[in-house]
Amino acid sequence: ECNVVVFSASYGDETASSYSKMGHGLFTYYLLKELKDTKGDVTLKQLGDYVTKEVGRQSLIINNKPQTPTVISSKEVEDSWENWKLK
């Protein structure tokens, strides 16, 4: 059995962009921001939705190109991972 959930900074042939002003990539910045703001009390679905929304929006504004973070799970957990919490 393989219980795996992968958060990826971009989709397909997109490039993961930097957020120079904040000293991180866009994906890393918003992932860490949400973890800090929620103190880790967040489901993987909530975390993925937040990061996807913010990175997608900010990449167009800051870098003038699309970036679409994705979350992929193994088949074994495809029906349960969304409610998993980090804390």
C-alpha atoms as a PDB file:
ATOM      1  CA  GLU A   1       0.000   0.000   0.000  1.00  0.00           C
ATOM      2  CA  CYS A   2       1.263   3.440  -0.906  1.00  0.00           C
ATOM      3  CA  ASN A   3      -0.244   6.354   1.023  1.00  0.00           C
ATOM      4  CA  VAL A   4       1.212   9.288  -0.892  1.00  0.00           C
ATOM      5  CA  VAL A   5       0.046  12.843  -1.576  1.00  0.00           C
ATOM      6  CA  VAL A   6       2.253  15.050  -3.753  1.00  0.00           C
ATOM      7  CA  PHE A   7       2.030  18.833  -3.868  1.00  0.00           C
ATOM      8  CA  SER A   8       3.627  20.173  -7.045  1.00  0.00           C
ATOM      9  CA  ALA A   9       4.517  23.825  -7.705  1.00  0.00           C
ATOM     10  CA  SER A  10       3.293  23.804 -11.296  1.00  0.00           C
ATOM     11  CA  TYR A  11       1.440  21.740 -13.870  1.00  0.00           C
ATOM     12  CA  GLY A  12       2.583  20.262 -17.167  1.00  0.00           C
ATOM     13  CA  ASP A  13       5.105  22.408 -18.995  1.00  0.00           C
ATOM     14  CA  GLU A  14       4.620  25.466 -16.765  1.00  0.00           C
ATOM     15  CA  THR A  15       7.593  26.907 -14.916  1.00  0.00           C
ATOM     16  CA  ALA A  16       7.552  27.401 -11.153  1.00  0.00           C
ATOM     17  CA  SER A  17       8.131  31.119 -10.638  1.00  0.00           C
ATOM     18  CA  SER A  18      10.063  32.973  -8.010  1.00  0.00           C
ATOM     19  CA  TYR A  19       8.741  35.597  -5.638  1.00  0.00           C
ATOM     20  CA  SER A  20      11.949  37.604  -5.377  1.00  0.00           C
ATOM     21  CA  LYS A  21      10.433  40.188  -3.029  1.00  0.00           C
ATOM     22  CA  MET A  22       9.763  37.451  -0.458  1.00  0.00           C
ATOM     23  CA  GLY A  23      12.908  35.379  -1.042  1.00  0.00           C
ATOM     24  CA  HIS A  24      11.056  32.189  -2.036  1.00  0.00           C
ATOM     25  CA  GLY A  25       9.315  30.637  -4.972  1.00  0.00           C
ATOM     26  CA  LEU A  26       5.626  31.574  -5.213  1.00  0.00           C
ATOM     27  CA  PHE A  27       4.563  28.051  -4.297  1.00  0.00           C
ATOM     28  CA  THR A  28       6.842  27.849  -1.250  1.00  0.00           C
ATOM     29  CA  TYR A  29       5.859  31.315  -0.039  1.00  0.00           C
ATOM     30  CA  TYR A  30       2.107  30.634  -0.090  1.00  0.00           C
ATOM     31  CA  LEU A  31       2.475  27.099   1.271  1.00  0.00           C
ATOM     32  CA  LEU A  32       4.489  28.363   4.245  1.00  0.00           C
ATOM     33  CA  LYS A  33       2.202  31.383   4.707  1.00  0.00           C
ATOM     34  CA  GLU A  34      -0.896  29.198   5.030  1.00  0.00           C
ATOM     35  CA  LEU A  35       0.862  26.782   7.377  1.00  0.00           C
ATOM     36  CA  LYS A  36       1.938  29.703   9.556  1.00  0.00           C
ATOM     37  CA  ASP A  37      -1.465  31.442   9.468  1.00  0.00           C
ATOM     38  CA  THR A  38      -3.324  28.231  10.385  1.00  0.00           C
ATOM     39  CA  LYS A  39      -0.597  26.991  12.735  1.00  0.00           C
ATOM     40  CA  GLY A  40      -0.785  23.719  10.822  1.00  0.00           C
ATOM     41  CA  ASP A  41      -4.441  23.180  11.714  1.00  0.00           C
ATOM     42  CA  VAL A  42      -5.529  22.764   8.088  1.00  0.00           C
ATOM     43  CA  THR A  43      -6.639  19.862   5.914  1.00  0.00           C
ATOM     44  CA  LEU A  44      -4.570  18.933   2.886  1.00  0.00           C
ATOM     45  CA  LYS A  45      -7.512  19.972   0.681  1.00  0.00           C
ATOM     46  CA  GLN A  46      -7.733  23.410   2.301  1.00  0.00           C
ATOM     47  CA  LEU A  47      -3.978  23.844   1.970  1.00  0.00           C
ATOM     48  CA  GLY A  48      -3.986  22.745  -1.667  1.00  0.00           C
ATOM     49  CA  ASP A  49      -6.950  24.960  -2.557  1.00  0.00           C
ATOM     50  CA  TYR A  50      -5.379  28.016  -0.928  1.00  0.00           C
ATOM     51  CA  VAL A  51      -1.975  27.530  -2.548  1.00  0.00           C
ATOM     52  CA  THR A  52      -3.492  26.837  -5.981  1.00  0.00           C
ATOM     53  CA  LYS A  53      -5.677  29.951  -5.813  1.00  0.00           C
ATOM     54  CA  GLU A  54      -3.018  32.343  -4.520  1.00  0.00           C
ATOM     55  CA  VAL A  55      -0.149  31.103  -6.681  1.00  0.00           C
ATOM     56  CA  GLY A  56      -2.327  31.078  -9.792  1.00  0.00           C
ATOM     57  CA  ARG A  57      -3.455  34.646  -9.183  1.00  0.00           C
ATOM     58  CA  GLN A  58      -0.134  36.075  -8.065  1.00  0.00           C
ATOM     59  CA  SER A  59       1.866  34.431 -10.859  1.00  0.00           C
ATOM     60  CA  LEU A  60      -0.208  36.292 -13.443  1.00  0.00           C
ATOM     61  CA  ILE A  61       0.189  39.586 -11.554  1.00  0.00           C
ATOM     62  CA  ILE A  62       3.871  39.307 -10.603  1.00  0.00           C
ATOM     63  CA  ASN A  63       5.379  37.227 -13.410  1.00  0.00           C
ATOM     64  CA  ASN A  64       2.790  37.684 -16.177  1.00  0.00           C
ATOM     65  CA  LYS A  65       2.558  33.935 -16.789  1.00  0.00           C
ATOM     66  CA  PRO A  66       0.435  31.050 -15.544  1.00  0.00           C
ATOM     67  CA  GLN A  67       1.491  28.746 -12.737  1.00  0.00           C
ATOM     68  CA  THR A  68      -0.920  26.100 -11.532  1.00  0.00           C
ATOM     69  CA  PRO A  69       0.077  24.099  -8.452  1.00  0.00           C
ATOM     70  CA  THR A  70      -1.361  20.594  -8.373  1.00  0.00           C
ATOM     71  CA  VAL A  71      -2.064  17.964  -5.754  1.00  0.00           C
ATOM     72  CA  ILE A  72      -1.921  14.309  -6.747  1.00  0.00           C
ATOM     73  CA  SER A  73      -2.597  11.314  -4.525  1.00  0.00           C
ATOM     74  CA  SER A  74      -1.876   7.641  -4.857  1.00  0.00           C
ATOM     75  CA  LYS A  75      -4.834   5.467  -5.748  1.00  0.00           C
ATOM     76  CA  GLU A  76      -4.933   3.965  -2.259  1.00  0.00           C
ATOM     77  CA  VAL A  77      -5.826   7.305  -0.655  1.00  0.00           C
ATOM     78  CA  GLU A  78      -7.680   9.116  -3.447  1.00  0.00           C
ATOM     79  CA  ASP A  79     -10.930   9.074  -1.429  1.00  0.00           C
ATOM     80  CA  SER A  80      -9.502  10.037   1.963  1.00  0.00           C
ATOM     81  CA  TRP A  81      -6.471  12.364   1.691  1.00  0.00           C
ATOM     82  CA  GLU A  82      -8.478  15.597   1.445  1.00  0.00           C
ATOM     83  CA  ASN A  83      -9.494  15.432   5.122  1.00  0.00           C
ATOM     84  CA  TRP A  84      -6.039  14.610   6.457  1.00  0.00           C
ATOM     85  CA  LYS A  85      -4.647  17.253   8.783  1.00  0.00           C
ATOM     86  CA  LEU A  86      -1.041  18.117   9.414  1.00  0.00           C
ATOM     87  CA  LYS A  87      -1.661  18.780  13.076  1.00  0.00           C
END
